[in-house]
Amino acid sequence: SIDEKFKEAAGGKVIKIGNTDAATALQKIRPGIPFENEQGFKNMIQYYLNLPEFLQGVGIVEDAGKVTITYLKDGIEKEITLAPGSMPGPANHGAPVSGASWADAYAGLNTTAAPLWLKEPGRLRYFEYLPGSKTVYVKHSAVQDEADETIADFFARVFRFIDSNDVDKFILDIRLNGGGNNYLNKPVITGIIQAKKINRKGHLFIITGKATFSAAQNLTNELEKYSEAVFVGESTSENVNFFGDTRTEILPNSQLNINLSWLWWQNLDPRDKRKWTAPHLAADLSFNDYKNGIDPAMEAIMNYKLTGSIDEQLRNLVLAGKYDEAVLAARKYMENPLHRYYKDDLETKVNDFGYRLINQHKYEVANKVLHMNVQLFPGSANAYDSYAESWWKLGKKEEAIKYYNLAISKDPDGVTGDNARAMLKQLQAGEGKKGF
């Protein structure tokens, strides 16, 4: 959104801020923004680029009292100069609420024609029934109660509706949910788990995005663990296990207040190092989608065809001894743009499967599974490290040394490279196979 007096610029692509080109500006603000992954950075850009003093502090503009924006629209470069002023804020953790004095690139904003995720911007939650597809859509934009209705009461209404109506699909949209109070997640989780009508693969969908953070990440974790949800949209902006709950500290010399995250939230496996939750179906929102009122996430859900998960497909093929078919199935899966986020998780899934086989002393099969990971992810140091270990378990010392060295070459200064060097020392010292 932009002030009505500059409405001609609405929808323009920013080329420069002051005398700084857009790409350089993004690099300059990066060190000053708190974020955990690239999604978090993308989500925070919109807030920090709107702070004149911040732009001046990082050297993007010289004068915080006026900022000149060069933008491209309809193939023509133009400029506007802005003075500091107020702008629409988010509705708590939700979508921006634009007043009458603001213009937006999407002409249907605040109308009945708006996509579901943009409706009711002044409220944290609302639901709508789509009779054509027998779908209940819920927008849930903060883990905090409304002044007139708690989360528990809202979702009790939703699940009563599901129980008493012809409902085939349930969509929980938390793409705008920046978190809140973790202890308010329970009625959402238990309600979904108990709703047998919708808690089935292909009937339950969770939409996530780059604003899904904090307590909304915990909600995502629990639904990933305990429900049959298919995740759609973009990756979350939080690590799956993370520090949260900020407290304010005062720096001793400058007396500036700073906020520090101090509480470790771990509701997934402590060995789970994922930097985000990746959706099974990728559906990024482009500017043209937004401008034209298109929601790719809803389109992906409505076009979804139920098939077995790629994890199950690969496991079944491997156990049947069809390794080449497993590799081909994995490559086909990874080449599909719908899987562009989840394909990175596939490496971890295959790696975990290989180690389960090792722990069952099925070393030959484990070796083939971990070789599959090397084929699929040839740039991964961890894939080579794990493959080396499978050779060690088979007593093939020379092969183990070869692949540990390859792991080191892929990650010479990192944790995986260090682990490979440590294993090499044990192996070359004749200490036998690595234990578990």
Protein backbone atom coordinates (compact mmCIF):
# COMPACT_ATOMS: atom_id res chain seq x y z
CA SER A 1 0.00 0.00 0.00
CA ILE A 2 1.00 3.60 -0.58
CA ASP A 3 -0.39 6.98 0.34
CA GLU A 4 -3.25 7.93 -2.02
CA LYS A 5 -1.38 10.99 -3.26
CA PHE A 6 1.28 8.67 -4.71
CA LYS A 7 -1.21 6.11 -6.05
CA GLU A 8 0.32 6.28 -9.54
CA ALA A 9 3.37 4.48 -8.10
CA ALA A 10 1.36 1.63 -6.55
CA GLY A 11 2.58 -1.62 -8.05
CA GLY A 12 5.87 -0.21 -9.30
CA LYS A 13 9.09 -2.17 -8.88
CA VAL A 14 11.68 -0.41 -6.71
CA ILE A 15 14.92 0.12 -8.61
CA LYS A 16 16.73 2.49 -6.25
CA ILE A 17 16.38 3.87 -2.74
CA GLY A 18 18.21 7.18 -2.70
CA ASN A 19 21.32 6.54 -4.77
CA THR A 20 21.51 2.87 -3.76
CA ASP A 21 20.31 0.20 -6.16
CA ALA A 22 17.79 -2.25 -4.71
CA ALA A 23 20.13 -5.28 -4.63
CA THR A 24 22.83 -3.32 -2.76
CA ALA A 25 20.22 -1.92 -0.37
CA LEU A 26 19.16 -5.44 0.57
CA GLN A 27 22.76 -6.39 1.34
CA LYS A 28 23.22 -3.27 3.46
CA ILE A 29 20.20 -3.94 5.64
CA ARG A 30 20.94 -7.65 6.11
CA PRO A 31 23.37 -7.29 9.08
CA GLY A 32 20.86 -5.13 10.97
CA ILE A 33 17.87 -7.47 10.70
CA PRO A 34 17.15 -10.33 13.14
CA PHE A 35 16.23 -13.49 11.25
CA GLU A 36 16.80 -17.24 11.40
CA ASN A 37 16.57 -18.24 7.77
CA GLU A 38 16.21 -16.66 4.35
CA GLN A 39 12.43 -16.68 4.62
CA GLY A 40 12.70 -14.64 7.79
CA PHE A 41 14.90 -12.10 6.04
CA LYS A 42 12.44 -11.77 3.17
CA ASN A 43 9.60 -11.27 5.63
CA MET A 44 11.43 -8.55 7.58
CA ILE A 45 12.50 -6.52 4.53
CA GLN A 46 9.14 -4.77 4.28
CA TYR A 47 9.43 -3.39 7.80
CA TYR A 48 13.06 -2.24 7.81
CA LEU A 49 12.99 -0.58 4.37
CA ASN A 50 10.23 1.66 5.73
CA LEU A 51 12.38 3.10 8.54
CA PRO A 52 14.09 6.31 7.34
CA GLU A 53 16.52 6.45 10.28
CA PHE A 54 17.52 2.85 9.66
CA LEU A 55 18.10 3.52 5.95
CA GLN A 56 20.31 6.46 6.91
CA GLY A 57 22.15 4.44 9.56
CA VAL A 58 23.16 1.67 7.14
CA GLY A 59 24.18 4.15 4.44
CA ILE A 60 21.37 3.69 1.94
CA VAL A 61 20.24 7.34 2.13
CA GLU A 62 21.98 10.46 3.35
CA ASP A 63 18.96 12.30 4.72
CA ALA A 64 16.30 10.54 6.79
CA GLY A 65 14.03 13.54 6.32
CA LYS A 66 13.37 12.69 2.67
CA VAL A 67 13.86 9.53 0.67
CA THR A 68 13.75 9.36 -3.12
CA ILE A 69 12.47 6.10 -4.58
CA THR A 70 13.17 5.20 -8.21
CA TYR A 71 10.65 2.69 -9.51
CA LEU A 72 9.80 0.91 -12.74
CA LYS A 73 6.20 0.69 -13.89
CA ASP A 74 4.87 -0.17 -17.33
CA GLY A 75 8.44 -0.12 -18.65
CA ILE A 76 9.07 3.49 -17.51
CA GLU A 77 11.38 4.59 -14.69
CA LYS A 78 9.99 7.30 -12.42
CA GLU A 79 10.84 8.90 -9.08
CA ILE A 80 8.93 9.95 -6.00
CA THR A 81 10.35 11.68 -2.93
CA LEU A 82 8.80 10.76 0.39
CA ALA A 83 8.91 12.47 3.78
CA PRO A 84 8.56 10.39 6.97
CA GLY A 85 4.97 9.65 7.92
CA SER A 86 2.56 7.02 9.19
CA MET A 87 1.67 3.91 7.25
CA PRO A 88 -0.88 1.10 7.69
CA GLY A 89 0.27 -1.40 10.28
CA PRO A 90 -0.52 -5.09 10.32
CA ALA A 91 -3.68 -6.18 12.07
CA ASN A 92 -1.70 -7.63 14.98
CA HIS A 93 0.00 -10.47 13.09
CA GLY A 94 -2.33 -10.33 10.10
CA ALA A 95 -2.51 -8.61 6.73
CA PRO A 96 -2.15 -4.82 6.45
CA VAL A 97 -5.29 -2.81 7.06
CA SER A 98 -5.36 -0.02 4.49
CA GLY A 99 -7.38 3.06 5.28
CA ALA A 100 -9.28 5.22 2.81
CA SER A 101 -6.20 7.41 2.28
CA TRP A 102 -4.09 4.53 0.98
CA ALA A 103 -3.88 2.96 -2.47
CA ASP A 104 -2.95 -0.63 -3.20
CA ALA A 105 -1.65 -2.49 -6.26
CA TYR A 106 -4.55 -4.93 -5.85
CA ALA A 107 -7.79 -3.18 -6.75
CA GLY A 108 -9.94 -5.74 -4.96
CA LEU A 109 -8.44 -5.21 -1.50
CA ASN A 110 -11.13 -4.87 1.20
CA THR A 111 -13.86 -6.09 -1.17
CA THR A 112 -15.80 -9.35 -1.38
CA ALA A 113 -13.74 -10.23 -4.47
CA ALA A 114 -10.52 -10.51 -2.44
CA PRO A 115 -8.83 -13.90 -2.03
CA LEU A 116 -9.66 -15.63 1.24
CA TRP A 117 -6.31 -14.85 2.85
CA LEU A 118 -6.92 -11.10 2.41
CA LYS A 119 -10.47 -11.07 3.75
CA GLU A 120 -11.37 -9.72 7.19
CA PRO A 121 -7.99 -7.98 7.62
CA GLY A 122 -9.07 -6.41 10.91
CA ARG A 123 -9.61 -9.79 12.56
CA LEU A 124 -7.15 -12.47 13.57
CA ARG A 125 -9.42 -15.34 12.54
CA TYR A 126 -12.36 -16.11 10.35
CA PHE A 127 -13.71 -19.13 8.50
CA GLU A 128 -15.71 -19.65 5.36
CA TYR A 129 -17.43 -22.66 3.79
CA LEU A 130 -16.85 -23.27 0.09
CA PRO A 131 -19.83 -25.42 -0.94
CA GLY A 132 -18.54 -26.22 -4.45
CA SER A 133 -15.59 -28.18 -3.04
CA LYS A 134 -17.10 -28.91 0.40
CA THR A 135 -14.16 -27.09 1.96
CA VAL A 136 -13.86 -25.23 5.24
CA TYR A 137 -11.23 -22.51 5.01
CA VAL A 138 -9.83 -20.98 8.23
CA LYS A 139 -7.55 -17.95 8.36
CA HIS A 140 -5.65 -18.03 11.66
CA SER A 141 -3.29 -15.05 11.81
CA ALA A 142 -2.03 -14.99 15.41
CA VAL A 143 -1.78 -17.31 18.38
CA GLN A 144 -3.63 -14.87 20.60
CA ASP A 145 -7.25 -14.38 21.57
CA GLU A 146 -9.50 -11.76 20.01
CA ALA A 147 -11.08 -9.27 22.41
CA ASP A 148 -14.52 -10.80 21.76
CA GLU A 149 -13.64 -14.48 21.23
CA THR A 150 -10.91 -16.84 22.41
CA ILE A 151 -9.05 -19.21 20.11
CA ALA A 152 -10.70 -22.13 21.92
CA ASP A 153 -14.20 -20.73 21.34
CA PHE A 154 -13.51 -19.90 17.70
CA PHE A 155 -12.22 -23.36 16.84
CA ALA A 156 -15.03 -24.99 18.83
CA ARG A 157 -17.40 -23.18 16.41
CA VAL A 158 -15.37 -24.37 13.44
CA PHE A 159 -15.35 -28.02 14.49
CA ARG A 160 -19.07 -27.96 15.35
CA PHE A 161 -19.68 -26.70 11.82
CA ILE A 162 -17.54 -29.49 10.36
CA ASP A 163 -19.35 -32.14 12.40
CA SER A 164 -22.81 -30.98 11.30
CA ASN A 165 -22.14 -30.20 7.61
CA ASP A 166 -20.96 -31.97 4.47
CA VAL A 167 -17.23 -31.17 4.66
CA ASP A 168 -14.58 -32.93 2.59
CA LYS A 169 -11.56 -30.64 3.02
CA PHE A 170 -10.21 -28.46 5.80
CA ILE A 171 -7.66 -25.69 5.14
CA LEU A 172 -5.84 -23.96 8.00
CA ASP A 173 -4.08 -20.86 6.68
CA ILE A 174 -1.27 -19.70 8.99
CA ARG A 175 0.86 -17.97 6.35
CA LEU A 176 0.42 -14.61 8.16
CA ASN A 177 0.73 -16.04 11.66
CA GLY A 178 3.70 -14.50 13.46
CA GLY A 179 3.03 -16.33 16.73
CA GLY A 180 1.84 -15.37 20.17
CA ASN A 181 1.10 -17.60 23.15
CA ASN A 182 2.13 -21.23 22.67
CA TYR A 183 -0.29 -22.39 25.33
CA LEU A 184 -3.23 -21.31 23.16
CA ASN A 185 -2.33 -23.85 20.44
CA LYS A 186 -3.87 -26.85 22.20
CA PRO A 187 -7.51 -26.51 21.04
CA VAL A 188 -6.37 -26.19 17.42
CA ILE A 189 -4.18 -29.29 17.59
CA THR A 190 -6.56 -31.51 19.55
CA GLY A 191 -9.54 -30.38 17.49
CA ILE A 192 -7.84 -31.34 14.22
CA ILE A 193 -6.59 -34.67 15.58
CA GLN A 194 -10.07 -35.61 16.81
CA ALA A 195 -11.88 -34.53 13.62
CA LYS A 196 -11.76 -37.87 11.81
CA LYS A 197 -13.75 -36.48 8.90
CA ILE A 198 -10.89 -34.15 7.93
CA ASN A 199 -7.78 -35.58 9.59
CA ARG A 200 -7.02 -37.76 6.58
CA LYS A 201 -4.34 -37.49 3.92
CA GLY A 202 -5.65 -35.41 1.04
CA HIS A 203 -8.39 -33.79 3.14
CA LEU A 204 -6.32 -31.68 5.58
CA PHE A 205 -4.12 -28.84 4.34
CA ILE A 206 -1.96 -26.32 6.20
CA ILE A 207 -0.83 -23.16 4.35
CA THR A 208 2.45 -21.75 5.64
CA GLY A 209 4.60 -18.84 4.50
CA LYS A 210 7.47 -16.55 5.28
CA ALA A 211 5.52 -14.91 8.13
CA THR A 212 4.85 -18.26 9.92
CA PHE A 213 6.97 -17.82 13.02
CA SER A 214 7.40 -18.44 16.77
CA ALA A 215 4.27 -20.01 18.33
CA ALA A 216 2.96 -20.60 14.80
CA GLN A 217 6.10 -22.68 14.17
CA ASN A 218 5.29 -24.73 17.26
CA LEU A 219 1.77 -25.22 15.90
CA THR A 220 3.28 -26.33 12.59
CA ASN A 221 5.55 -28.79 14.40
CA GLU A 222 2.69 -30.39 16.32
CA LEU A 223 0.50 -30.71 13.24
CA GLU A 224 3.41 -32.24 11.32
CA LYS A 225 3.88 -34.81 14.09
CA TYR A 226 0.32 -35.72 14.94
CA SER A 227 -1.91 -35.03 11.94
CA GLU A 228 -2.24 -36.18 8.34
CA ALA A 229 -1.74 -32.67 7.00
CA VAL A 230 -0.34 -31.80 3.60
CA PHE A 231 1.64 -28.56 3.91
CA VAL A 232 1.27 -26.02 1.10
CA GLY A 233 2.74 -22.62 0.27
CA GLU A 234 6.19 -21.40 1.28
CA SER A 235 8.66 -22.48 3.95
CA THR A 236 8.29 -21.05 7.45
CA SER A 237 10.62 -18.34 8.76
CA GLU A 238 11.66 -20.22 11.91
CA ASN A 239 13.93 -23.16 12.65
CA VAL A 240 11.88 -26.16 13.75
CA ASN A 241 13.60 -26.08 17.18
CA PHE A 242 14.44 -22.55 18.23
CA PHE A 243 15.06 -19.87 20.85
CA GLY A 244 12.07 -17.60 21.55
CA ASP A 245 10.36 -15.49 24.23
CA THR A 246 12.25 -12.21 24.21
CA ARG A 247 13.35 -10.30 27.26
CA THR A 248 14.69 -6.75 27.32
CA GLU A 249 18.26 -6.01 28.38
CA ILE A 250 19.94 -2.59 28.73
CA LEU A 251 23.40 -2.23 27.20
CA PRO A 252 25.73 -0.89 29.91
CA ASN A 253 27.47 1.86 27.93
CA SER A 254 24.89 3.13 25.44
CA GLN A 255 21.90 2.36 27.71
CA LEU A 256 20.06 1.15 24.61
CA ASN A 257 17.34 -1.45 25.09
CA ILE A 258 17.80 -4.71 23.21
CA ASN A 259 15.52 -7.75 23.01
CA LEU A 260 17.06 -11.19 23.43
CA SER A 261 15.42 -14.55 22.75
CA TRP A 262 16.29 -16.72 25.74
CA LEU A 263 13.94 -19.71 25.96
CA TRP A 264 14.73 -22.88 24.00
CA TRP A 265 11.63 -24.40 22.39
CA GLN A 266 12.14 -27.98 21.32
CA ASN A 267 9.04 -29.96 20.42
CA LEU A 268 10.64 -31.99 17.64
CA ASP A 269 13.52 -34.47 17.76
CA PRO A 270 16.59 -32.75 19.30
CA ARG A 271 18.60 -33.97 16.30
CA ASP A 272 16.23 -32.23 13.89
CA LYS A 273 18.35 -29.38 12.50
CA ARG A 274 15.94 -28.19 9.81
CA LYS A 275 16.11 -24.43 9.28
CA TRP A 276 12.41 -24.34 8.45
CA THR A 277 9.36 -26.48 7.75
CA ALA A 278 9.20 -27.02 4.01
CA PRO A 279 5.78 -27.43 2.37
CA HIS A 280 5.06 -30.60 0.46
CA LEU A 281 3.51 -28.45 -2.29
CA ALA A 282 5.35 -25.23 -3.15
CA ALA A 283 3.10 -22.29 -3.98
CA ASP A 284 4.94 -18.96 -3.90
CA LEU A 285 2.89 -15.80 -4.24
CA SER A 286 4.26 -13.57 -7.02
CA PHE A 287 3.51 -9.88 -7.39
CA ASN A 288 1.39 -10.59 -10.47
CA ASP A 289 -0.60 -13.15 -8.47
CA TYR A 290 -1.23 -10.57 -5.77
CA LYS A 291 -2.14 -7.84 -8.24
CA ASN A 292 -4.62 -10.13 -10.00
CA GLY A 293 -6.18 -11.60 -6.87
CA ILE A 294 -4.77 -15.08 -7.45
CA ASP A 295 -3.83 -17.39 -4.57
CA PRO A 296 -1.42 -20.12 -5.80
CA ALA A 297 -1.70 -22.00 -2.49
CA MET A 298 -5.46 -22.44 -2.86
CA GLU A 299 -4.99 -23.45 -6.50
CA ALA A 300 -2.43 -26.11 -5.48
CA ILE A 301 -4.83 -27.48 -2.88
CA MET A 302 -7.81 -27.63 -5.22
CA ASN A 303 -5.69 -29.39 -7.87
CA TYR A 304 -4.13 -31.85 -5.41
CA LYS A 305 -4.29 -35.54 -6.31
CA LEU A 306 -3.75 -38.01 -3.49
CA THR A 307 -0.73 -40.27 -3.95
CA GLY A 308 1.60 -42.00 -1.53
CA SER A 309 4.32 -39.80 -0.05
CA ILE A 310 7.71 -39.85 -1.73
CA ASP A 311 9.18 -41.22 1.51
CA GLU A 312 6.85 -44.23 1.35
CA GLN A 313 7.48 -44.75 -2.38
CA LEU A 314 11.25 -44.81 -1.93
CA ARG A 315 11.08 -47.06 1.11
CA ASN A 316 8.88 -49.58 -0.71
CA LEU A 317 11.10 -49.61 -3.80
CA VAL A 318 14.28 -50.06 -1.73
CA LEU A 319 12.83 -52.88 0.34
CA ALA A 320 11.81 -54.56 -2.92
CA GLY A 321 15.41 -54.27 -4.13
CA LYS A 322 14.49 -51.80 -6.89
CA TYR A 323 17.24 -49.27 -6.25
CA ASP A 324 17.46 -47.85 -9.77
CA GLU A 325 13.69 -47.31 -9.82
CA ALA A 326 13.95 -45.57 -6.45
CA VAL A 327 16.57 -43.16 -7.81
CA LEU A 328 14.44 -42.43 -10.88
CA ALA A 329 11.34 -41.85 -8.73
CA ALA A 330 13.29 -39.46 -6.50
CA ARG A 331 14.72 -37.54 -9.47
CA LYS A 332 11.28 -37.18 -11.03
CA TYR A 333 9.91 -35.93 -7.72
CA MET A 334 12.73 -33.39 -7.31
CA GLU A 335 12.30 -32.05 -10.85
CA ASN A 336 8.67 -31.12 -10.19
CA PRO A 337 8.49 -27.40 -9.26
CA LEU A 338 5.73 -28.21 -6.76
CA HIS A 339 8.36 -29.98 -4.65
CA ARG A 340 11.09 -27.33 -4.78
CA TYR A 341 11.02 -26.76 -1.01
CA TYR A 342 10.44 -30.29 0.22
CA LYS A 343 13.14 -31.81 -2.02
CA ASP A 344 15.78 -30.49 0.42
CA ASP A 345 14.09 -32.46 3.22
CA LEU A 346 14.31 -35.56 1.06
CA GLU A 347 18.04 -35.83 1.69
CA THR A 348 17.39 -35.99 5.44
CA LYS A 349 14.58 -38.53 4.98
CA VAL A 350 16.79 -40.84 2.90
CA ASN A 351 19.70 -40.38 5.29
CA ASP A 352 17.52 -41.27 8.29
CA PHE A 353 16.22 -44.34 6.47
CA GLY A 354 19.80 -45.45 5.80
CA TYR A 355 20.73 -45.12 9.46
CA ARG A 356 17.65 -47.04 10.58
CA LEU A 357 18.83 -49.87 8.34
CA ILE A 358 22.34 -49.63 9.84
CA ASN A 359 20.89 -49.86 13.34
CA GLN A 360 19.05 -53.00 12.21
CA HIS A 361 22.43 -54.37 11.00
CA LYS A 362 21.19 -54.40 7.40
CA TYR A 363 24.46 -52.97 6.16
CA GLU A 364 24.24 -53.96 2.49
CA VAL A 365 20.81 -52.37 2.05
CA ALA A 366 21.87 -49.30 4.05
CA ASN A 367 24.90 -48.90 1.79
CA LYS A 368 22.67 -48.87 -1.29
CA VAL A 369 20.24 -46.38 0.28
CA LEU A 370 23.03 -44.00 1.29
CA HIS A 371 24.60 -44.36 -2.16
CA MET A 372 21.25 -43.23 -3.53
CA ASN A 373 21.59 -40.05 -1.46
CA VAL A 374 25.02 -39.38 -2.95
CA GLN A 375 23.52 -39.76 -6.42
CA LEU A 376 20.64 -37.43 -5.63
CA PHE A 377 22.63 -34.83 -3.67
CA PRO A 378 26.18 -34.88 -5.03
CA GLY A 379 27.00 -31.52 -3.45
CA SER A 380 26.14 -32.64 0.08
CA ALA A 381 29.03 -33.31 2.45
CA ASN A 382 26.69 -35.12 4.83
CA ALA A 383 25.58 -37.56 2.11
CA TYR A 384 29.23 -38.55 1.51
CA ASP A 385 29.94 -38.74 5.25
CA SER A 386 27.02 -41.11 5.83
CA TYR A 387 27.92 -43.19 2.77
CA ALA A 388 31.47 -43.51 4.07
CA GLU A 389 30.15 -44.81 7.37
CA SER A 390 28.10 -47.47 5.61
CA TRP A 391 31.28 -48.71 3.90
CA TRP A 392 33.02 -48.77 7.27
CA LYS A 393 30.22 -50.90 8.68
CA LEU A 394 30.76 -53.30 5.79
CA GLY A 395 34.43 -53.50 6.68
CA LYS A 396 35.48 -51.81 3.41
CA LYS A 397 38.17 -49.53 4.82
CA GLU A 398 39.50 -48.12 1.54
CA GLU A 399 36.03 -47.15 0.33
CA ALA A 400 35.26 -45.52 3.69
CA ILE A 401 38.47 -43.46 3.51
CA LYS A 402 37.65 -42.39 -0.05
CA TYR A 403 34.20 -41.06 0.84
CA TYR A 404 35.25 -39.47 4.14
CA ASN A 405 37.82 -37.51 2.13
CA LEU A 406 35.12 -36.51 -0.34
CA ALA A 407 32.96 -35.30 2.56
CA ILE A 408 35.88 -33.18 3.79
CA SER A 409 36.36 -31.71 0.31
CA LYS A 410 32.68 -30.69 0.25
CA ASP A 411 32.82 -29.07 3.69
CA PRO A 412 36.47 -28.35 4.54
CA ASP A 413 35.78 -25.86 7.35
CA GLY A 414 32.39 -27.03 8.59
CA VAL A 415 30.93 -29.43 11.15
CA THR A 416 30.54 -32.29 8.66
CA GLY A 417 34.13 -31.94 7.50
CA ASP A 418 35.31 -31.99 11.13
CA ASN A 419 33.27 -35.14 11.81
CA ALA A 420 34.72 -36.85 8.72
CA ARG A 421 38.28 -36.01 9.86
CA ALA A 422 37.54 -37.43 13.32
CA MET A 423 36.15 -40.63 11.80
CA LEU A 424 39.18 -40.94 9.54
CA LYS A 425 41.49 -40.76 12.55
CA GLN A 426 39.57 -43.55 14.26
CA LEU A 427 39.47 -45.64 11.12
CA GLN A 428 43.15 -45.21 10.31
CA ALA A 429 44.08 -45.92 13.92
CA GLY A 430 42.40 -49.28 13.51
CA GLU A 431 39.71 -48.72 16.13
CA GLY A 432 37.18 -50.71 14.16
CA LYS A 433 33.75 -49.71 13.03
CA LYS A 434 32.01 -46.65 14.46
CA GLY A 435 29.55 -47.45 17.25
CA PHE A 436 26.10 -46.06 17.85
